Amino acid sequence: MNTAQTSATQFLSPVHAPEALPGWLTEKQVALLTSLSVSTLRNHRQRRMGIPYVKLGRSVRYARRAVEDYMNAHSITY
């Protein structure tokens, strides 16, 4: 892989490169992954429902595994 390809790959959005998702996600990343709006995620946090999260100062982070578990727990099968 040449240098241009390497640098382009480093800046891919996690939504475009799911295997590159870090262990901790921002609310914007979770919103994109779940198709929930950022305001819905904030509303869920205020009501103490939804996907488990961590507060670091004023920053909110979601564990990638918690997002996956939440999505799997809410899947509908027939």
C-alpha atoms as a PDB file:
ATOM      1  CA  MET A   1       0.000   0.000   0.000  1.00  0.00           C
ATOM      2  CA  ASN A   2       1.473   3.386  -0.923  1.00  0.00           C
ATOM      3  CA  THR A   3       1.697   6.389   1.393  1.00  0.00           C
ATOM      4  CA  ALA A   4      -1.374   8.111  -0.085  1.00  0.00           C
ATOM      5  CA  GLN A   5      -3.517   5.006   0.449  1.00  0.00           C
ATOM      6  CA  THR A   6      -2.222   4.576   4.002  1.00  0.00           C
ATOM      7  CA  SER A   7      -2.973   8.155   5.017  1.00  0.00           C
ATOM      8  CA  ALA A   8      -6.434   8.018   3.411  1.00  0.00           C
ATOM      9  CA  THR A   9      -7.229   4.811   5.300  1.00  0.00           C
ATOM     10  CA  GLN A  10      -6.244   6.401   8.618  1.00  0.00           C
ATOM     11  CA  PHE A  11      -8.843   9.137   8.212  1.00  0.00           C
ATOM     12  CA  LEU A  12     -11.802   6.971   7.245  1.00  0.00           C
ATOM     13  CA  SER A  13     -14.853   7.569   9.355  1.00  0.00           C
ATOM     14  CA  PRO A  14     -15.634   4.611  11.652  1.00  0.00           C
ATOM     15  CA  VAL A  15     -18.970   4.317   9.901  1.00  0.00           C
ATOM     16  CA  HIS A  16     -17.167   3.661   6.625  1.00  0.00           C
ATOM     17  CA  ALA A  17     -14.640   1.311   8.220  1.00  0.00           C
ATOM     18  CA  PRO A  18     -16.446  -0.601  11.004  1.00  0.00           C
ATOM     19  CA  GLU A  19     -13.447  -2.822  11.714  1.00  0.00           C
ATOM     20  CA  ALA A  20     -11.545   0.347  12.670  1.00  0.00           C
ATOM     21  CA  LEU A  21     -14.009   1.360  15.385  1.00  0.00           C
ATOM     22  CA  PRO A  22     -12.274   2.049  18.682  1.00  0.00           C
ATOM     23  CA  GLY A  23     -13.361   0.462  21.955  1.00  0.00           C
ATOM     24  CA  TRP A  24     -15.081   3.702  22.990  1.00  0.00           C
ATOM     25  CA  LEU A  25     -17.434   5.670  20.733  1.00  0.00           C
ATOM     26  CA  THR A  26     -18.711   9.243  20.821  1.00  0.00           C
ATOM     27  CA  GLU A  27     -22.427   9.962  20.774  1.00  0.00           C
ATOM     28  CA  LYS A  28     -22.136  11.058  17.127  1.00  0.00           C
ATOM     29  CA  GLN A  29     -20.563   7.733  16.165  1.00  0.00           C
ATOM     30  CA  VAL A  30     -23.269   5.836  18.055  1.00  0.00           C
ATOM     31  CA  ALA A  31     -25.964   7.934  16.398  1.00  0.00           C
ATOM     32  CA  LEU A  32     -24.602   7.024  12.974  1.00  0.00           C
ATOM     33  CA  LEU A  33     -24.284   3.338  13.827  1.00  0.00           C
ATOM     34  CA  THR A  34     -27.751   3.000  15.372  1.00  0.00           C
ATOM     35  CA  SER A  35     -29.685   5.463  13.188  1.00  0.00           C
ATOM     36  CA  LEU A  36     -30.778   7.233  16.370  1.00  0.00           C
ATOM     37  CA  SER A  37     -30.366  10.984  16.545  1.00  0.00           C
ATOM     38  CA  VAL A  38     -27.918  12.544  18.971  1.00  0.00           C
ATOM     39  CA  SER A  39     -30.874  14.218  20.691  1.00  0.00           C
ATOM     40  CA  THR A  40     -32.557  10.822  21.158  1.00  0.00           C
ATOM     41  CA  LEU A  41     -29.389   9.435  22.755  1.00  0.00           C
ATOM     42  CA  ARG A  42     -29.261  12.481  25.054  1.00  0.00           C
ATOM     43  CA  ASN A  43     -32.923  12.039  25.917  1.00  0.00           C
ATOM     44  CA  HIS A  44     -32.313   8.365  26.747  1.00  0.00           C
ATOM     45  CA  ARG A  45     -29.418   9.296  29.030  1.00  0.00           C
ATOM     46  CA  GLN A  46     -31.537  11.892  30.820  1.00  0.00           C
ATOM     47  CA  ARG A  47     -34.283   9.318  31.357  1.00  0.00           C
ATOM     48  CA  ARG A  48     -31.725   6.665  32.401  1.00  0.00           C
ATOM     49  CA  MET A  49     -32.654   4.296  29.593  1.00  0.00           C
ATOM     50  CA  GLY A  50     -31.070   3.086  26.389  1.00  0.00           C
ATOM     51  CA  ILE A  51     -27.457   2.166  25.794  1.00  0.00           C
ATOM     52  CA  PRO A  52     -25.127   2.189  28.839  1.00  0.00           C
ATOM     53  CA  TYR A  53     -22.550   4.992  28.724  1.00  0.00           C
ATOM     54  CA  VAL A  54     -19.640   6.537  30.607  1.00  0.00           C
ATOM     55  CA  LYS A  55     -19.167  10.204  31.502  1.00  0.00           C
ATOM     56  CA  LEU A  56     -15.603  11.531  31.466  1.00  0.00           C
ATOM     57  CA  GLY A  57     -15.926  15.104  32.617  1.00  0.00           C
ATOM     58  CA  ARG A  58     -18.394  16.551  30.136  1.00  0.00           C
ATOM     59  CA  SER A  59     -17.622  13.926  27.494  1.00  0.00           C
ATOM     60  CA  VAL A  60     -19.915  10.962  26.922  1.00  0.00           C
ATOM     61  CA  ARG A  61     -18.551   7.665  25.612  1.00  0.00           C
ATOM     62  CA  TYR A  62     -20.243   4.396  24.765  1.00  0.00           C
ATOM     63  CA  ALA A  63     -18.409   1.081  24.855  1.00  0.00           C
ATOM     64  CA  ARG A  64     -18.502  -0.479  21.410  1.00  0.00           C
ATOM     65  CA  ARG A  65     -19.476  -3.795  22.988  1.00  0.00           C
ATOM     66  CA  ALA A  66     -22.382  -2.154  24.878  1.00  0.00           C
ATOM     67  CA  VAL A  67     -23.734  -0.721  21.626  1.00  0.00           C
ATOM     68  CA  GLU A  68     -23.483  -4.123  19.935  1.00  0.00           C
ATOM     69  CA  ASP A  69     -25.134  -5.855  22.911  1.00  0.00           C
ATOM     70  CA  TYR A  70     -27.945  -3.293  22.992  1.00  0.00           C
ATOM     71  CA  MET A  71     -28.600  -3.715  19.267  1.00  0.00           C
ATOM     72  CA  ASN A  72     -28.585  -7.527  19.586  1.00  0.00           C
ATOM     73  CA  ALA A  73     -30.908  -7.425  22.599  1.00  0.00           C
ATOM     74  CA  HIS A  74     -33.414  -5.361  20.625  1.00  0.00           C
ATOM     75  CA  SER A  75     -33.373  -7.401  17.439  1.00  0.00           C
ATOM     76  CA  ILE A  76     -36.665  -8.784  16.248  1.00  0.00           C
ATOM     77  CA  THR A  77     -36.705 -12.330  14.963  1.00  0.00           C
ATOM     78  CA  TYR A  78     -39.590 -14.250  13.481  1.00  0.00           C
END
